[in-house]
Structures are given as C-alpha cells and as structure tokens.
Amino acid sequence: MSGRKLQVLLVDDHAVVRGGLRLLLAETGDMEVGGEAESAEQAIHLVRQGEFDVALVDIGLPGKGGLDLLKQIRTERPKLAVLMLSMYAEEVYAVRALKAGASGYLTKNSPPATLLAAIRKVAGGGRHVSPALLEQLAVEVGQGRKSGSDALSDREVEVLRRIATGEGLNHIAEALHLSPKTVTTYRARIVEKTGLHSNAELARYALEKGLLN
C-alpha cells in the first residue's frame, strides 16, 4: 500500500468515544481517522465525498440508527467495509448486523487489540466474527420458523427497546423521525409477535433479551 494508512470513518454520537478511538488509531502507525460523524446523515455525506477503507459505526445512533446507515452504505458504497460497534451483547444485534451486510460486530468492552485486529481484517476483505457469534449463526441456520424477538424487524426492536426504557410513543416518533401513528403500528406488531400487551411486560421481556443497557 506504499505506506498509505488505512482511512477509518468514525460514526458515533458521543464525542468522548470518538476521541478515544482517534487516539487509539493514531498510536498504530498504519491507520488513522479519515473522518468523523455524529449522525447517520453526516456519515453518509462523508461516505459520498471521501475514500475510506473501514467505517466504524455505532449501532445505537439516535434518529436514523446504525443498522439503517449500514444498509444505505451497502447500497451506495458496497465495497466499503463496515464494522459495527455496540454497547449491546452479540446476541442482541450481531446476527441482524451481519445479515444486513456488516463486515463484523464488536461490543464496546472489547479489548483495544481486538478492535484494531478487526479493523485490519475487514479492511483486507475479511470478516470479524467471534467464536460465540459463529455458534449463534449456526444455531439460527438450523432453526425453523422465527418466534419472539427473532421475529421482530430491526425497527420493531428499536421501538421495543425505547418503550422498555419508558419513552412515550410521541417521543419515540420524534426520535426516530416517524409519525406517532407509525410507532403505534410498530407497537401493535410487537404485541402480536411477542404475545405481550402491557408496557411493563414489554420492559421485562426487553430486559430478559438483553435489549437494555
């Protein structure tokens, strides 16, 4: 690569997180931050304008979330490796992220060495998949009809998570840039798929599934 450093796009709404990642990458000598964004909208603008090797994307972005951004990047820049970084355990979102086209998935408590190795791997065309995630993928392949949280769409999972944290439907609608009627429809689908009705039941269910911080 003639001494060229890997260009990494950081997408996280927390400035402190981006700052820590920037310092970590600066110490490597073979990679650097080529751009930063705190929202999906800013990120896709940078993706369209710049040349990046890897996009490191927080799955929990406000508004248009990380999974939605991932899908848009796959459409507009299919060769750009996207590594999802999340506070949520692998069993919550990892399979969804990989199915949507992510090159890998790491939790934010991963060791720095693991993160750096994952960036280098996906930049070279590989995938970062932990042994636990491989087992989870194998189980999912062997399963038949989906049920419960596995049957929920990405947006339904996000709505469920927000309901469980006590957000009102109007607030959820505003945060996700949806109409209150649409959020109500998502809630109805969640109720139908999970068999639960009250917000208290949904909150307990979300906690059991690891959807809460």
N, C-alpha and C. Protein backbone atom coordinates (compact mmCIF):
# COMPACT_ATOMS: atom_id res chain seq x y z
N MET A 1 0.83 -1.21 0.00
CA MET A 1 0.00 0.00 0.00
C MET A 1 0.86 1.26 0.00
N SER A 2 2.16 1.08 -0.22
CA SER A 2 3.11 2.18 -0.36
C SER A 2 3.06 3.12 0.83
N GLY A 3 2.91 2.57 2.02
CA GLY A 3 2.93 3.39 3.22
C GLY A 3 1.63 4.11 3.50
N ARG A 4 0.63 3.93 2.67
CA ARG A 4 -0.65 4.59 2.89
C ARG A 4 -1.34 4.02 4.12
N LYS A 5 -1.84 4.89 4.96
CA LYS A 5 -2.52 4.44 6.16
C LYS A 5 -3.99 4.13 5.85
N LEU A 6 -4.51 3.14 6.55
CA LEU A 6 -5.92 2.82 6.42
C LEU A 6 -6.75 4.01 6.89
N GLN A 7 -7.73 4.39 6.08
CA GLN A 7 -8.59 5.51 6.42
C GLN A 7 -9.87 4.99 7.07
N VAL A 8 -10.08 5.41 8.32
CA VAL A 8 -11.22 4.92 9.09
C VAL A 8 -12.21 6.05 9.32
N LEU A 9 -13.47 5.79 9.05
CA LEU A 9 -14.54 6.73 9.33
C LEU A 9 -15.17 6.36 10.68
N LEU A 10 -15.17 7.29 11.63
CA LEU A 10 -15.77 7.05 12.94
C LEU A 10 -17.18 7.62 12.96
N VAL A 11 -18.15 6.80 13.32
CA VAL A 11 -19.55 7.24 13.39
C VAL A 11 -20.09 6.90 14.77
N ASP A 12 -20.16 7.91 15.62
CA ASP A 12 -20.64 7.73 17.00
C ASP A 12 -21.12 9.08 17.49
N ASP A 13 -22.26 9.11 18.19
CA ASP A 13 -22.80 10.39 18.63
C ASP A 13 -22.14 10.91 19.90
N HIS A 14 -21.22 10.15 20.48
CA HIS A 14 -20.51 10.59 21.68
C HIS A 14 -19.11 11.06 21.33
N ALA A 15 -18.84 12.34 21.55
CA ALA A 15 -17.54 12.92 21.21
C ALA A 15 -16.41 12.26 21.99
N VAL A 16 -16.67 11.88 23.24
CA VAL A 16 -15.64 11.25 24.06
C VAL A 16 -15.23 9.90 23.47
N VAL A 17 -16.21 9.14 22.98
CA VAL A 17 -15.91 7.85 22.36
C VAL A 17 -15.07 8.05 21.10
N ARG A 18 -15.47 9.01 20.27
CA ARG A 18 -14.71 9.27 19.06
C ARG A 18 -13.28 9.71 19.39
N GLY A 19 -13.16 10.53 20.43
CA GLY A 19 -11.83 10.99 20.83
C GLY A 19 -10.94 9.85 21.26
N GLY A 20 -11.50 8.92 22.03
CA GLY A 20 -10.72 7.76 22.47
C GLY A 20 -10.30 6.88 21.32
N LEU A 21 -11.20 6.67 20.38
CA LEU A 21 -10.88 5.86 19.21
C LEU A 21 -9.83 6.55 18.34
N ARG A 22 -9.94 7.87 18.23
CA ARG A 22 -8.97 8.62 17.43
C ARG A 22 -7.56 8.46 18.00
N LEU A 23 -7.44 8.57 19.31
CA LEU A 23 -6.14 8.41 19.95
C LEU A 23 -5.61 6.98 19.77
N LEU A 24 -6.50 6.01 19.89
CA LEU A 24 -6.09 4.62 19.74
C LEU A 24 -5.56 4.35 18.34
N LEU A 25 -6.25 4.84 17.33
CA LEU A 25 -5.82 4.63 15.96
C LEU A 25 -4.53 5.37 15.65
N ALA A 26 -4.36 6.55 16.25
CA ALA A 26 -3.17 7.36 16.00
C ALA A 26 -1.90 6.66 16.49
N GLU A 27 -2.06 5.79 17.47
CA GLU A 27 -0.90 5.10 18.04
C GLU A 27 -0.46 3.89 17.21
N THR A 28 -1.25 3.51 16.21
CA THR A 28 -0.93 2.29 15.47
C THR A 28 0.15 2.49 14.42
N GLY A 29 0.15 3.62 13.77
CA GLY A 29 1.13 3.86 12.72
C GLY A 29 0.68 3.42 11.34
N ASP A 30 -0.35 2.56 11.26
CA ASP A 30 -0.80 2.09 9.95
C ASP A 30 -2.25 2.44 9.65
N MET A 31 -2.89 3.20 10.55
CA MET A 31 -4.26 3.62 10.30
C MET A 31 -4.50 4.96 10.97
N GLU A 32 -5.50 5.68 10.45
CA GLU A 32 -5.83 6.97 11.02
C GLU A 32 -7.29 7.29 10.75
N VAL A 33 -7.82 8.24 11.50
CA VAL A 33 -9.20 8.67 11.30
C VAL A 33 -9.26 9.59 10.10
N GLY A 34 -10.02 9.19 9.09
CA GLY A 34 -10.17 10.00 7.89
C GLY A 34 -11.38 10.89 7.91
N GLY A 35 -12.27 10.67 8.91
CA GLY A 35 -13.47 11.47 9.03
C GLY A 35 -14.27 11.05 10.26
N GLU A 36 -15.08 11.97 10.76
CA GLU A 36 -15.91 11.70 11.93
C GLU A 36 -17.32 12.20 11.71
N ALA A 37 -18.29 11.45 12.22
CA ALA A 37 -19.69 11.85 12.12
C ALA A 37 -20.40 11.47 13.41
N GLU A 38 -21.36 12.31 13.79
CA GLU A 38 -22.14 12.01 15.00
C GLU A 38 -23.55 11.56 14.68
N SER A 39 -23.87 11.46 13.39
CA SER A 39 -25.20 11.02 12.98
C SER A 39 -25.09 10.25 11.67
N ALA A 40 -26.14 9.51 11.34
CA ALA A 40 -26.16 8.76 10.09
C ALA A 40 -26.14 9.70 8.90
N GLU A 41 -26.82 10.84 9.03
CA GLU A 41 -26.88 11.79 7.94
C GLU A 41 -25.49 12.36 7.63
N GLN A 42 -24.75 12.72 8.68
CA GLN A 42 -23.39 13.22 8.49
C GLN A 42 -22.51 12.13 7.90
N ALA A 43 -22.69 10.92 8.37
CA ALA A 43 -21.86 9.81 7.91
C ALA A 43 -22.04 9.54 6.43
N ILE A 44 -23.28 9.50 5.97
CA ILE A 44 -23.49 9.17 4.56
C ILE A 44 -22.97 10.30 3.67
N HIS A 45 -23.01 11.54 4.16
CA HIS A 45 -22.43 12.66 3.40
C HIS A 45 -20.93 12.45 3.24
N LEU A 46 -20.25 12.05 4.32
CA LEU A 46 -18.81 11.81 4.25
C LEU A 46 -18.48 10.62 3.36
N VAL A 47 -19.30 9.58 3.45
CA VAL A 47 -19.07 8.39 2.62
C VAL A 47 -19.14 8.75 1.14
N ARG A 48 -20.07 9.63 0.80
CA ARG A 48 -20.22 10.04 -0.59
C ARG A 48 -19.05 10.90 -1.07
N GLN A 49 -18.45 11.65 -0.13
CA GLN A 49 -17.40 12.60 -0.50
C GLN A 49 -15.99 12.04 -0.41
N GLY A 50 -15.75 11.11 0.53
CA GLY A 50 -14.39 10.66 0.79
C GLY A 50 -14.12 9.23 0.38
N GLU A 51 -12.88 8.82 0.59
CA GLU A 51 -12.44 7.46 0.29
C GLU A 51 -11.98 6.81 1.60
N PHE A 52 -12.79 5.92 2.12
CA PHE A 52 -12.49 5.25 3.38
C PHE A 52 -12.30 3.76 3.16
N ASP A 53 -11.48 3.16 4.01
CA ASP A 53 -11.27 1.72 3.96
C ASP A 53 -12.24 0.98 4.88
N VAL A 54 -12.53 1.61 6.02
CA VAL A 54 -13.42 1.00 7.01
C VAL A 54 -14.28 2.08 7.65
N ALA A 55 -15.56 1.78 7.83
CA ALA A 55 -16.44 2.64 8.62
C ALA A 55 -16.72 1.93 9.94
N LEU A 56 -16.38 2.59 11.03
CA LEU A 56 -16.63 2.04 12.36
C LEU A 56 -17.88 2.71 12.88
N VAL A 57 -18.99 1.97 12.93
CA VAL A 57 -20.32 2.56 13.15
C VAL A 57 -20.94 2.08 14.46
N ASP A 58 -21.37 3.04 15.27
CA ASP A 58 -22.12 2.72 16.49
C ASP A 58 -23.53 2.32 16.09
N ILE A 59 -23.95 1.16 16.52
CA ILE A 59 -25.27 0.67 16.11
C ILE A 59 -26.41 1.46 16.76
N GLY A 60 -26.11 2.14 17.88
CA GLY A 60 -27.14 2.85 18.63
C GLY A 60 -27.22 4.33 18.33
N LEU A 61 -27.01 4.73 17.08
CA LEU A 61 -27.10 6.15 16.73
C LEU A 61 -28.52 6.66 16.95
N PRO A 62 -28.66 7.91 17.38
CA PRO A 62 -30.01 8.49 17.53
C PRO A 62 -30.61 8.76 16.16
N GLY A 63 -31.94 8.83 16.11
CA GLY A 63 -32.59 9.08 14.82
C GLY A 63 -32.44 7.88 13.92
N LYS A 64 -31.91 8.10 12.74
CA LYS A 64 -31.65 7.01 11.81
C LYS A 64 -30.53 6.17 12.37
N GLY A 65 -30.82 4.95 12.79
CA GLY A 65 -29.86 4.14 13.53
C GLY A 65 -28.74 3.54 12.71
N GLY A 66 -27.84 2.86 13.42
CA GLY A 66 -26.68 2.28 12.77
C GLY A 66 -27.01 1.22 11.73
N LEU A 67 -28.04 0.43 11.98
CA LEU A 67 -28.41 -0.60 11.01
C LEU A 67 -28.96 0.02 9.73
N ASP A 68 -29.73 1.08 9.88
CA ASP A 68 -30.24 1.77 8.69
C ASP A 68 -29.08 2.38 7.91
N LEU A 69 -28.13 2.97 8.61
CA LEU A 69 -26.95 3.54 7.95
C LEU A 69 -26.17 2.45 7.23
N LEU A 70 -26.00 1.31 7.89
CA LEU A 70 -25.29 0.19 7.29
C LEU A 70 -25.93 -0.21 5.97
N LYS A 71 -27.24 -0.33 5.94
CA LYS A 71 -27.94 -0.74 4.73
C LYS A 71 -27.76 0.30 3.62
N GLN A 72 -27.75 1.58 4.00
CA GLN A 72 -27.57 2.63 2.99
C GLN A 72 -26.14 2.60 2.43
N ILE A 73 -25.17 2.38 3.31
CA ILE A 73 -23.78 2.28 2.85
C ILE A 73 -23.62 1.09 1.90
N ARG A 74 -24.25 -0.02 2.23
CA ARG A 74 -24.16 -1.20 1.37
C ARG A 74 -24.72 -0.91 -0.03
N THR A 75 -25.73 -0.05 -0.09
CA THR A 75 -26.33 0.31 -1.37
C THR A 75 -25.45 1.28 -2.14
N GLU A 76 -24.92 2.29 -1.45
CA GLU A 76 -24.18 3.35 -2.13
C GLU A 76 -22.68 3.06 -2.28
N ARG A 77 -22.09 2.37 -1.31
CA ARG A 77 -20.67 2.06 -1.35
C ARG A 77 -20.46 0.61 -0.93
N PRO A 78 -20.88 -0.34 -1.78
CA PRO A 78 -20.86 -1.76 -1.40
C PRO A 78 -19.49 -2.31 -1.05
N LYS A 79 -18.42 -1.67 -1.51
CA LYS A 79 -17.07 -2.18 -1.22
C LYS A 79 -16.51 -1.66 0.10
N LEU A 80 -17.17 -0.70 0.72
CA LEU A 80 -16.69 -0.14 1.98
C LEU A 80 -16.98 -1.11 3.13
N ALA A 81 -15.95 -1.53 3.83
CA ALA A 81 -16.13 -2.44 4.97
C ALA A 81 -16.75 -1.66 6.13
N VAL A 82 -17.78 -2.25 6.74
CA VAL A 82 -18.45 -1.61 7.87
C VAL A 82 -18.34 -2.51 9.09
N LEU A 83 -17.73 -1.98 10.13
CA LEU A 83 -17.55 -2.71 11.39
C LEU A 83 -18.47 -2.07 12.42
N MET A 84 -19.43 -2.84 12.91
CA MET A 84 -20.39 -2.30 13.86
C MET A 84 -19.83 -2.39 15.28
N LEU A 85 -19.98 -1.29 16.02
CA LEU A 85 -19.52 -1.22 17.41
C LEU A 85 -20.74 -0.92 18.27
N SER A 86 -20.92 -1.68 19.34
CA SER A 86 -22.15 -1.54 20.11
C SER A 86 -21.94 -1.78 21.59
N MET A 87 -22.81 -1.18 22.39
CA MET A 87 -22.82 -1.44 23.82
C MET A 87 -23.62 -2.71 24.13
N TYR A 88 -24.31 -3.21 23.13
CA TYR A 88 -25.16 -4.37 23.34
C TYR A 88 -24.41 -5.68 23.04
N ALA A 89 -24.72 -6.70 23.82
CA ALA A 89 -24.08 -8.00 23.65
C ALA A 89 -24.38 -8.56 22.26
N GLU A 90 -23.53 -9.46 21.82
CA GLU A 90 -23.64 -10.01 20.46
C GLU A 90 -25.01 -10.62 20.17
N GLU A 91 -25.60 -11.28 21.16
CA GLU A 91 -26.84 -11.98 20.89
C GLU A 91 -28.00 -11.03 20.58
N VAL A 92 -27.83 -9.74 20.86
CA VAL A 92 -28.90 -8.79 20.64
C VAL A 92 -28.98 -8.35 19.18
N TYR A 93 -27.86 -7.89 18.62
CA TYR A 93 -27.90 -7.29 17.29
C TYR A 93 -26.92 -7.87 16.29
N ALA A 94 -25.97 -8.68 16.71
CA ALA A 94 -24.88 -9.10 15.82
C ALA A 94 -25.38 -9.83 14.57
N VAL A 95 -26.27 -10.78 14.74
CA VAL A 95 -26.76 -11.54 13.59
C VAL A 95 -27.50 -10.62 12.63
N ARG A 96 -28.29 -9.70 13.17
CA ARG A 96 -29.01 -8.74 12.34
C ARG A 96 -28.01 -7.89 11.54
N ALA A 97 -26.94 -7.46 12.20
CA ALA A 97 -25.94 -6.62 11.54
C ALA A 97 -25.25 -7.38 10.40
N LEU A 98 -24.87 -8.62 10.66
CA LEU A 98 -24.19 -9.41 9.64
C LEU A 98 -25.12 -9.69 8.46
N LYS A 99 -26.38 -9.97 8.74
CA LYS A 99 -27.33 -10.21 7.66
C LYS A 99 -27.54 -8.95 6.83
N ALA A 100 -27.38 -7.78 7.46
CA ALA A 100 -27.56 -6.51 6.75
C ALA A 100 -26.31 -6.12 5.97
N GLY A 101 -25.23 -6.90 6.11
CA GLY A 101 -24.04 -6.62 5.33
C GLY A 101 -22.84 -6.14 6.08
N ALA A 102 -22.88 -6.15 7.42
CA ALA A 102 -21.71 -5.72 8.20
C ALA A 102 -20.55 -6.69 8.01
N SER A 103 -19.34 -6.16 8.07
CA SER A 103 -18.14 -6.99 7.96
C SER A 103 -17.74 -7.57 9.31
N GLY A 104 -18.35 -7.07 10.37
CA GLY A 104 -18.04 -7.57 11.70
C GLY A 104 -18.82 -6.82 12.75
N TYR A 105 -18.78 -7.32 13.99
CA TYR A 105 -19.53 -6.74 15.10
C TYR A 105 -18.71 -6.89 16.36
N LEU A 106 -18.51 -5.78 17.07
CA LEU A 106 -17.79 -5.82 18.34
C LEU A 106 -18.56 -5.05 19.40
N THR A 107 -18.46 -5.50 20.63
CA THR A 107 -19.04 -4.74 21.73
C THR A 107 -18.01 -3.72 22.20
N LYS A 108 -18.49 -2.64 22.83
CA LYS A 108 -17.60 -1.55 23.24
C LYS A 108 -16.68 -1.92 24.39
N ASN A 109 -16.91 -3.07 25.00
CA ASN A 109 -15.98 -3.51 26.05
C ASN A 109 -14.92 -4.48 25.50
N SER A 110 -14.83 -4.57 24.17
CA SER A 110 -13.79 -5.42 23.56
C SER A 110 -12.41 -4.82 23.83
N PRO A 111 -11.38 -5.64 23.99
CA PRO A 111 -10.02 -5.13 24.19
C PRO A 111 -9.57 -4.33 22.98
N PRO A 112 -8.80 -3.27 23.18
CA PRO A 112 -8.31 -2.46 22.05
C PRO A 112 -7.61 -3.29 20.98
N ALA A 113 -6.84 -4.29 21.41
CA ALA A 113 -6.12 -5.13 20.44
C ALA A 113 -7.10 -5.87 19.53
N THR A 114 -8.22 -6.29 20.08
CA THR A 114 -9.24 -6.99 19.28
C THR A 114 -9.86 -6.05 18.27
N LEU A 115 -10.13 -4.82 18.69
CA LEU A 115 -10.71 -3.83 17.78
C LEU A 115 -9.76 -3.53 16.63
N LEU A 116 -8.49 -3.30 16.94
CA LEU A 116 -7.51 -2.98 15.90
C LEU A 116 -7.33 -4.13 14.93
N ALA A 117 -7.30 -5.34 15.47
CA ALA A 117 -7.16 -6.52 14.60
C ALA A 117 -8.38 -6.66 13.69
N ALA A 118 -9.56 -6.36 14.23
CA ALA A 118 -10.79 -6.46 13.44
C ALA A 118 -10.80 -5.43 12.32
N ILE A 119 -10.34 -4.21 12.61
CA ILE A 119 -10.29 -3.17 11.57
C ILE A 119 -9.38 -3.60 10.44
N ARG A 120 -8.20 -4.11 10.79
CA ARG A 120 -7.24 -4.55 9.76
C ARG A 120 -7.82 -5.71 8.94
N LYS A 121 -8.52 -6.61 9.62
CA LYS A 121 -9.05 -7.79 8.94
C LYS A 121 -10.13 -7.40 7.93
N VAL A 122 -11.08 -6.57 8.35
CA VAL A 122 -12.16 -6.22 7.44
C VAL A 122 -11.66 -5.29 6.33
N ALA A 123 -10.64 -4.48 6.62
CA ALA A 123 -10.07 -3.63 5.58
C ALA A 123 -9.45 -4.46 4.48
N GLY A 124 -8.99 -5.66 4.84
CA GLY A 124 -8.39 -6.56 3.86
C GLY A 124 -9.39 -7.47 3.18
N GLY A 125 -10.66 -7.25 3.45
CA GLY A 125 -11.69 -8.04 2.80
C GLY A 125 -12.23 -9.18 3.63
N GLY A 126 -11.72 -9.34 4.86
CA GLY A 126 -12.17 -10.43 5.71
C GLY A 126 -13.37 -10.03 6.56
N ARG A 127 -13.73 -10.92 7.46
CA ARG A 127 -14.83 -10.66 8.38
C ARG A 127 -14.38 -10.95 9.80
N HIS A 128 -14.89 -10.14 10.72
CA HIS A 128 -14.60 -10.38 12.12
C HIS A 128 -15.84 -11.00 12.77
N VAL A 129 -15.73 -12.28 13.10
CA VAL A 129 -16.83 -12.99 13.74
C VAL A 129 -16.25 -13.78 14.91
N SER A 130 -16.72 -13.53 16.11
CA SER A 130 -16.21 -14.23 17.28
C SER A 130 -16.70 -15.67 17.29
N PRO A 131 -16.03 -16.56 18.02
CA PRO A 131 -16.48 -17.96 18.11
C PRO A 131 -17.91 -18.08 18.62
N ALA A 132 -18.28 -17.22 19.60
CA ALA A 132 -19.63 -17.27 20.14
C ALA A 132 -20.66 -16.88 19.08
N LEU A 133 -20.30 -15.91 18.25
CA LEU A 133 -21.21 -15.47 17.20
C LEU A 133 -21.33 -16.53 16.11
N LEU A 134 -20.24 -17.20 15.80
CA LEU A 134 -20.28 -18.28 14.83
C LEU A 134 -21.26 -19.37 15.28
N GLU A 135 -21.21 -19.68 16.56
CA GLU A 135 -22.12 -20.70 17.11
C GLU A 135 -23.57 -20.22 17.01
N GLN A 136 -23.78 -18.93 17.29
CA GLN A 136 -25.11 -18.37 17.22
C GLN A 136 -25.65 -18.42 15.79
N LEU A 137 -24.78 -18.11 14.83
CA LEU A 137 -25.18 -18.16 13.42
C LEU A 137 -25.55 -19.59 13.02
N ALA A 138 -24.76 -20.54 13.49
CA ALA A 138 -25.03 -21.94 13.16
C ALA A 138 -26.37 -22.39 13.71
N VAL A 139 -26.68 -21.94 14.93
CA VAL A 139 -27.95 -22.29 15.55
C VAL A 139 -29.10 -21.69 14.76
N GLU A 140 -28.93 -20.42 14.34
CA GLU A 140 -30.00 -19.74 13.61
C GLU A 140 -30.26 -20.42 12.27
N VAL A 141 -29.19 -20.84 11.61
CA VAL A 141 -29.34 -21.52 10.32
C VAL A 141 -30.14 -22.80 10.49
N GLY A 142 -29.94 -23.45 11.63
CA GLY A 142 -30.61 -24.72 11.86
C GLY A 142 -32.03 -24.59 12.38
N GLN A 143 -32.43 -23.36 12.72
CA GLN A 143 -33.77 -23.16 13.25
C GLN A 143 -34.80 -23.06 12.14
N GLY A 144 -36.01 -23.34 12.48
CA GLY A 144 -37.10 -23.20 11.52
C GLY A 144 -37.73 -21.84 11.64
N ARG A 145 -39.01 -21.81 11.92
CA ARG A 145 -39.75 -20.55 11.96
C ARG A 145 -39.27 -19.69 13.13
N LYS A 146 -39.20 -18.41 12.91
CA LYS A 146 -38.75 -17.49 13.95
C LYS A 146 -39.90 -17.22 14.92
N SER A 147 -39.53 -16.87 16.14
CA SER A 147 -40.53 -16.51 17.13
C SER A 147 -39.96 -15.47 18.06
N GLY A 148 -40.84 -14.78 18.81
CA GLY A 148 -40.37 -13.82 19.79
C GLY A 148 -39.54 -12.71 19.18
N SER A 149 -38.44 -12.35 19.88
CA SER A 149 -37.62 -11.23 19.42
C SER A 149 -36.95 -11.53 18.10
N ASP A 150 -36.72 -12.80 17.77
CA ASP A 150 -36.11 -13.14 16.49
C ASP A 150 -37.01 -12.78 15.32
N ALA A 151 -38.32 -12.72 15.57
CA ALA A 151 -39.27 -12.41 14.51
C ALA A 151 -39.46 -10.92 14.32
N LEU A 152 -38.94 -10.10 15.25
CA LEU A 152 -39.10 -8.66 15.15
C LEU A 152 -38.15 -8.08 14.11
N SER A 153 -38.63 -7.07 13.40
CA SER A 153 -37.76 -6.37 12.47
C SER A 153 -36.80 -5.48 13.25
N ASP A 154 -35.79 -4.94 12.56
CA ASP A 154 -34.82 -4.06 13.22
C ASP A 154 -35.53 -2.86 13.84
N ARG A 155 -36.47 -2.27 13.12
CA ARG A 155 -37.17 -1.09 13.63
C ARG A 155 -38.06 -1.46 14.81
N GLU A 156 -38.68 -2.64 14.76
CA GLU A 156 -39.51 -3.08 15.88
C GLU A 156 -38.67 -3.30 17.13
N VAL A 157 -37.47 -3.82 16.96
CA VAL A 157 -36.58 -4.00 18.11
C VAL A 157 -36.24 -2.65 18.72
N GLU A 158 -35.97 -1.66 17.89
CA GLU A 158 -35.64 -0.33 18.39
C GLU A 158 -36.82 0.30 19.12
N VAL A 159 -38.02 0.16 18.57
CA VAL A 159 -39.21 0.68 19.23
C VAL A 159 -39.44 -0.03 20.56
N LEU A 160 -39.29 -1.34 20.58
CA LEU A 160 -39.43 -2.11 21.81
C LEU A 160 -38.44 -1.64 22.87
N ARG A 161 -37.20 -1.44 22.46
CA ARG A 161 -36.16 -1.00 23.41
C ARG A 161 -36.53 0.35 24.02
N ARG A 162 -37.05 1.25 23.19
CA ARG A 162 -37.40 2.58 23.68
C ARG A 162 -38.64 2.55 24.57
N ILE A 163 -39.61 1.70 24.23
CA ILE A 163 -40.78 1.54 25.09
C ILE A 163 -40.34 1.03 26.46
N ALA A 164 -39.41 0.07 26.43
CA ALA A 164 -38.95 -0.55 27.68
C ALA A 164 -38.20 0.42 28.58
N THR A 165 -37.60 1.46 27.99
CA THR A 165 -36.88 2.44 28.81
C THR A 165 -37.79 3.56 29.29
N GLY A 166 -39.09 3.46 28.94
CA GLY A 166 -40.06 4.42 29.46
C GLY A 166 -40.39 5.58 28.55
N GLU A 167 -39.90 5.56 27.32
CA GLU A 167 -40.20 6.65 26.40
C GLU A 167 -41.65 6.56 25.92
N GLY A 168 -42.31 7.69 25.81
CA GLY A 168 -43.67 7.74 25.29
C GLY A 168 -43.66 7.58 23.78
N LEU A 169 -44.81 7.21 23.22
CA LEU A 169 -44.89 6.97 21.78
C LEU A 169 -44.58 8.23 20.97
N ASN A 170 -45.02 9.40 21.44
CA ASN A 170 -44.73 10.64 20.72
C ASN A 170 -43.24 10.95 20.72
N HIS A 171 -42.61 10.69 21.85
CA HIS A 171 -41.16 10.93 21.95
C HIS A 171 -40.40 9.97 21.04
N ILE A 172 -40.85 8.72 21.01
CA ILE A 172 -40.22 7.72 20.13
C ILE A 172 -40.37 8.14 18.68
N ALA A 173 -41.56 8.60 18.33
CA ALA A 173 -41.81 9.03 16.96
C ALA A 173 -40.87 10.16 16.56
N GLU A 174 -40.70 11.12 17.46
CA GLU A 174 -39.82 12.25 17.17
C GLU A 174 -38.37 11.79 17.04
N ALA A 175 -37.93 10.91 17.94
CA ALA A 175 -36.54 10.45 17.93
C ALA A 175 -36.21 9.64 16.68
N LEU A 176 -37.17 8.87 16.19
CA LEU A 176 -36.94 8.01 15.04
C LEU A 176 -37.43 8.62 13.73
N HIS A 177 -37.90 9.88 13.82
CA HIS A 177 -38.38 10.59 12.63
C HIS A 177 -39.53 9.82 11.96
N LEU A 178 -40.46 9.38 12.81
CA LEU A 178 -41.64 8.67 12.34
C LEU A 178 -42.88 9.40 12.83
N SER A 179 -44.03 9.05 12.29
CA SER A 179 -45.27 9.62 12.79
C SER A 179 -45.73 8.80 14.00
N PRO A 180 -46.46 9.42 14.93
CA PRO A 180 -46.99 8.67 16.08
C PRO A 180 -47.83 7.46 15.65
N LYS A 181 -48.56 7.62 14.53
CA LYS A 181 -49.38 6.51 14.03
C LYS A 181 -48.50 5.33 13.62
N THR A 182 -47.37 5.62 12.99
CA THR A 182 -46.47 4.54 12.58
C THR A 182 -45.89 3.83 13.78
N VAL A 183 -45.51 4.58 14.81
CA VAL A 183 -44.97 3.97 16.03
C VAL A 183 -46.03 3.11 16.70
N THR A 184 -47.27 3.58 16.69
CA THR A 184 -48.36 2.78 17.24
C THR A 184 -48.51 1.47 16.48
N THR A 185 -48.35 1.53 15.18
CA THR A 185 -48.42 0.32 14.36
C THR A 185 -47.29 -0.65 14.71
N TYR A 186 -46.08 -0.10 14.89
CA TYR A 186 -44.95 -0.95 15.29
C TYR A 186 -45.23 -1.62 16.63
N ARG A 187 -45.80 -0.85 17.57
CA ARG A 187 -46.10 -1.43 18.89
C ARG A 187 -47.11 -2.56 18.76
N ALA A 188 -48.10 -2.38 17.90
CA ALA A 188 -49.10 -3.42 17.69
C ALA A 188 -48.47 -4.69 17.12
N ARG A 189 -47.52 -4.52 16.22
CA ARG A 189 -46.83 -5.68 15.65
C ARG A 189 -46.00 -6.40 16.72
N ILE A 190 -45.36 -5.60 17.58
CA ILE A 190 -44.55 -6.19 18.66
C ILE A 190 -45.44 -7.01 19.59
N VAL A 191 -46.59 -6.45 19.94
CA VAL A 191 -47.54 -7.15 20.80
C VAL A 191 -47.98 -8.46 20.16
N GLU A 192 -48.26 -8.40 18.87
CA GLU A 192 -48.71 -9.60 18.15
C GLU A 192 -47.63 -10.68 18.12
N LYS A 193 -46.39 -10.27 17.89
CA LYS A 193 -45.30 -11.24 17.73
C LYS A 193 -44.82 -11.81 19.07
N THR A 194 -44.90 -11.00 20.13
CA THR A 194 -44.40 -11.47 21.43
C THR A 194 -45.49 -12.05 22.31
N GLY A 195 -46.76 -11.68 22.03
CA GLY A 195 -47.86 -12.15 22.87
C GLY A 195 -47.97 -11.38 24.16
N LEU A 196 -47.25 -10.26 24.27
CA LEU A 196 -47.28 -9.43 25.47
C LEU A 196 -48.07 -8.17 25.18
N HIS A 197 -48.65 -7.56 26.23
CA HIS A 197 -49.55 -6.44 25.98
C HIS A 197 -49.17 -5.17 26.73
N SER A 198 -48.89 -5.25 28.00
CA SER A 198 -48.60 -4.04 28.77
C SER A 198 -47.15 -3.60 28.58
N ASN A 199 -46.90 -2.32 28.82
CA ASN A 199 -45.54 -1.82 28.72
C ASN A 199 -44.62 -2.47 29.76
N ALA A 200 -45.19 -2.80 30.90
CA ALA A 200 -44.40 -3.47 31.94
C ALA A 200 -43.93 -4.84 31.46
N GLU A 201 -44.83 -5.57 30.81
CA GLU A 201 -44.46 -6.88 30.25
C GLU A 201 -43.40 -6.73 29.17
N LEU A 202 -43.57 -5.72 28.32
CA LEU A 202 -42.60 -5.49 27.25
C LEU A 202 -41.25 -5.10 27.82
N ALA A 203 -41.25 -4.31 28.88
CA ALA A 203 -39.99 -3.90 29.51
C ALA A 203 -39.26 -5.10 30.11
N ARG A 204 -40.01 -5.97 30.78
CA ARG A 204 -39.40 -7.17 31.36
C ARG A 204 -38.85 -8.08 30.26
N TYR A 205 -39.59 -8.19 29.19
CA TYR A 205 -39.16 -9.01 28.05
C TYR A 205 -37.87 -8.45 27.43
N ALA A 206 -37.83 -7.13 27.24
CA ALA A 206 -36.64 -6.50 26.66
C ALA A 206 -35.43 -6.70 27.55
N LEU A 207 -35.65 -6.64 28.87
CA LEU A 207 -34.55 -6.84 29.81
C LEU A 207 -34.03 -8.27 29.72
N GLU A 208 -34.92 -9.22 29.64
CA GLU A 208 -34.53 -10.63 29.54
C GLU A 208 -33.77 -10.91 28.24
N LYS A 209 -34.10 -10.18 27.18
CA LYS A 209 -33.46 -10.39 25.88
C LYS A 209 -32.17 -9.58 25.73
N GLY A 210 -31.81 -8.81 26.76
CA GLY A 210 -30.56 -8.06 26.69
C GLY A 210 -30.64 -6.81 25.85
N LEU A 211 -31.85 -6.26 25.68
CA LEU A 211 -32.01 -5.09 24.84
C LEU A 211 -31.76 -3.78 25.58
N LEU A 212 -31.62 -3.85 26.90
CA LEU A 212 -31.42 -2.64 27.69
C LEU A 212 -29.96 -2.56 28.14
N ASN A 213 -29.50 -1.33 28.40
CA ASN A 213 -28.10 -1.11 28.80
C ASN A 213 -27.81 -1.78 30.13
